[in-house]
N, C-alpha and C. Protein backbone atom coordinates (compact mmCIF):
# COMPACT_ATOMS: atom_id res chain seq x y z
N MET A 1 114.72 112.02 77.73
CA MET A 1 114.52 113.44 77.61
C MET A 1 115.78 114.77 78.20
N ASN A 2 116.44 116.36 77.99
CA ASN A 2 117.12 116.37 78.55
C ASN A 2 117.02 117.78 79.12
N LEU A 3 116.48 117.91 80.16
CA LEU A 3 116.24 119.14 79.54
C LEU A 3 117.65 120.49 80.53
N PRO A 4 116.88 121.43 80.34
CA PRO A 4 118.99 122.36 81.02
C PRO A 4 118.45 122.58 82.39
N PRO A 5 119.60 122.44 82.65
CA PRO A 5 119.85 122.92 83.97
C PRO A 5 119.66 123.99 84.34
N PRO A 6 119.00 123.69 85.73
CA PRO A 6 117.48 125.05 86.00
C PRO A 6 118.62 126.18 86.57
N GLU A 7 118.00 127.20 86.71
CA GLU A 7 118.82 128.47 86.94
C GLU A 7 119.41 128.40 88.58
N LYS A 8 119.91 129.68 89.12
CA LYS A 8 119.83 129.40 90.44
C LYS A 8 119.42 129.57 91.70
N ASP A 9 118.31 130.60 90.93
CA ASP A 9 117.47 130.96 91.95
C ASP A 9 116.09 129.43 91.64
N GLU A 10 116.46 128.80 91.31
CA GLU A 10 115.41 127.42 90.62
C GLU A 10 116.28 126.91 91.59
N GLN A 11 117.79 126.73 92.35
CA GLN A 11 117.76 125.47 92.27
C GLN A 11 117.87 125.85 93.87
N ASP A 12 117.23 127.16 94.52
CA ASP A 12 117.35 127.77 95.71
C ASP A 12 116.03 127.24 96.19
N LEU A 13 115.38 127.51 95.10
CA LEU A 13 113.71 127.05 95.50
C LEU A 13 113.56 125.04 95.84
N ARG A 14 114.59 125.19 95.09
CA ARG A 14 113.96 123.27 95.34
C ARG A 14 115.00 122.44 96.30
N SER A 15 115.68 123.37 97.04
CA SER A 15 116.94 122.84 97.85
C SER A 15 115.91 121.76 98.81
N THR A 16 116.72 120.73 99.07
CA THR A 16 116.53 119.77 100.25
C THR A 16 116.61 120.25 101.29
N VAL A 17 114.98 120.38 102.06
CA VAL A 17 114.93 120.37 103.83
C VAL A 17 114.58 119.64 104.80
N SER A 18 115.42 119.60 105.15
CA SER A 18 115.05 118.26 106.39
C SER A 18 113.60 118.36 106.84
N LYS A 19 113.80 116.62 108.00
CA LYS A 19 112.03 116.37 107.96
C LYS A 19 112.23 117.77 109.69
N GLN A 20 112.95 117.52 109.58
CA GLN A 20 113.34 118.28 111.32
C GLN A 20 112.90 119.66 111.14
N GLU A 21 113.16 120.29 109.92
CA GLU A 21 112.73 121.56 109.80
C GLU A 21 111.52 121.52 109.09
N LEU A 22 110.63 120.44 107.99
CA LEU A 22 109.58 120.74 108.17
C LEU A 22 108.66 120.53 109.37
N ASN A 23 109.18 119.98 110.27
CA ASN A 23 107.86 119.78 111.46
C ASN A 23 108.22 120.21 112.61
N ALA A 24 108.99 121.56 112.03
CA ALA A 24 109.49 122.40 113.63
C ALA A 24 108.25 123.39 113.47
N TRP A 25 107.55 123.75 114.57
CA TRP A 25 106.46 124.56 115.14
C TRP A 25 106.90 125.94 115.37
N LYS A 26 106.49 126.51 113.72
CA LYS A 26 106.70 127.80 113.62
C LYS A 26 105.52 128.96 112.76
N ARG A 27 105.40 129.98 114.31
CA ARG A 27 104.05 130.41 113.68
C ARG A 27 104.33 131.27 112.27
N GLY A 28 103.15 132.10 112.71
CA GLY A 28 103.30 133.03 111.47
C GLY A 28 102.73 132.54 109.53
N PHE A 29 103.05 133.11 108.65
CA PHE A 29 103.36 132.74 107.41
C PHE A 29 104.39 132.15 106.85
N THR A 30 104.69 130.25 106.90
CA THR A 30 106.15 130.00 106.66
C THR A 30 105.63 128.87 106.37
N PRO A 31 105.97 127.55 105.71
CA PRO A 31 105.80 126.43 104.76
C PRO A 31 105.84 125.83 105.76
N GLN A 32 106.29 126.12 106.94
CA GLN A 32 105.90 124.38 108.44
C GLN A 32 104.94 124.39 108.73
N ALA A 33 104.23 126.24 109.03
CA ALA A 33 103.31 126.74 109.51
C ALA A 33 101.90 126.30 108.43
N GLU A 34 101.70 126.55 107.92
CA GLU A 34 101.19 125.52 106.66
C GLU A 34 100.77 124.50 106.39
N ILE A 35 102.21 123.73 106.36
CA ILE A 35 102.22 122.30 106.85
C ILE A 35 101.00 121.33 107.78
N TRP A 36 101.11 122.15 108.86
CA TRP A 36 100.82 122.10 110.14
C TRP A 36 99.52 121.81 109.84
N ASN A 37 98.89 123.66 109.30
CA ASN A 37 97.53 123.94 109.10
C ASN A 37 96.68 122.52 108.00
N GLY A 38 97.46 121.87 107.13
CA GLY A 38 96.89 120.99 106.80
C GLY A 38 96.46 119.76 107.02
N ARG A 39 97.54 119.42 108.64
CA ARG A 39 97.95 118.15 108.77
C ARG A 39 96.43 118.31 109.94
N MET A 40 96.19 119.80 110.59
CA MET A 40 95.06 119.97 111.22
C MET A 40 94.05 119.65 110.48
N ALA A 41 93.33 120.52 110.00
CA ALA A 41 92.33 120.33 108.66
C ALA A 41 91.69 119.11 107.91
N SER A 42 93.34 118.15 108.27
CA SER A 42 92.69 116.50 107.82
C SER A 42 92.20 116.16 108.59
N ILE A 43 92.46 116.07 109.67
CA ILE A 43 92.05 115.21 111.87
C ILE A 43 90.58 115.90 111.73
N GLY A 44 90.59 117.78 111.34
CA GLY A 44 89.73 118.12 111.26
C GLY A 44 88.17 117.24 110.71
N LEU A 45 88.30 116.92 109.36
CA LEU A 45 87.72 116.26 108.29
C LEU A 45 87.48 115.54 108.58
N ILE A 46 88.82 113.74 109.11
CA ILE A 46 88.08 112.70 109.15
C ILE A 46 87.71 112.57 110.74
N ILE A 47 87.48 113.04 112.01
CA ILE A 47 86.69 113.89 112.77
C ILE A 47 85.24 113.76 112.57
N GLY A 48 84.87 114.77 111.30
CA GLY A 48 84.10 115.42 111.49
C GLY A 48 83.08 114.04 111.22
N LEU A 49 83.95 113.95 109.68
CA LEU A 49 83.23 113.08 108.71
C LEU A 49 82.74 111.29 109.88
N PHE A 50 83.27 111.15 110.87
CA PHE A 50 83.48 109.53 111.50
C PHE A 50 82.15 110.34 112.44
N LEU A 51 82.41 111.02 112.94
CA LEU A 51 80.55 111.98 113.69
C LEU A 51 79.29 111.68 113.30
N LEU A 52 79.92 111.87 111.92
CA LEU A 52 78.24 112.39 111.49
C LEU A 52 77.82 110.89 110.32
N ILE A 53 78.89 110.19 110.52
CA ILE A 53 78.18 108.85 110.48
C ILE A 53 77.95 108.17 111.07
N LEU A 54 78.52 108.36 113.00
CA LEU A 54 78.08 108.15 114.10
C LEU A 54 77.05 107.82 114.80
N VAL A 55 76.57 109.73 114.21
CA VAL A 55 75.19 110.14 114.43
C VAL A 55 74.02 109.52 114.05
N ASN A 56 74.77 109.72 112.24
CA ASN A 56 73.44 109.24 111.57
C ASN A 56 73.21 107.91 112.00
N ASN A 57 74.30 107.46 111.95
CA ASN A 57 73.74 104.95 112.65
C ASN A 57 72.96 105.50 113.55
N LEU A 58 73.56 106.90 114.79
CA LEU A 58 72.69 106.39 115.57
C LEU A 58 71.17 106.37 115.76
N LEU A 59 71.00 107.69 115.12
CA LEU A 59 69.46 107.83 115.54
C LEU A 59 68.67 107.33 114.10
N SER A 60 68.97 106.86 113.50
CA SER A 60 68.34 105.83 112.46
C SER A 60 68.36 103.99 112.51
N ALA A 61 68.73 104.06 113.72
CA ALA A 61 68.80 102.91 114.64
C ALA A 61 67.40 103.35 115.36
N ASN A 62 66.98 103.79 115.96
CA ASN A 62 65.82 103.78 117.13
C ASN A 62 64.48 104.14 115.75
């Protein structure tokens, strides 16, 4: 399947970014901040589910 080459604006958006740049701790509405926001949200969900299961098991054991 041959696709036409992307336009210049699309090429700028698809440019590769180094891992160091993605992991940078930048504030504001930046892609780096959104990446860290997603990571922290995932960690929070995992901790919350773990605590929910732990408390449920402790209360049902009595």
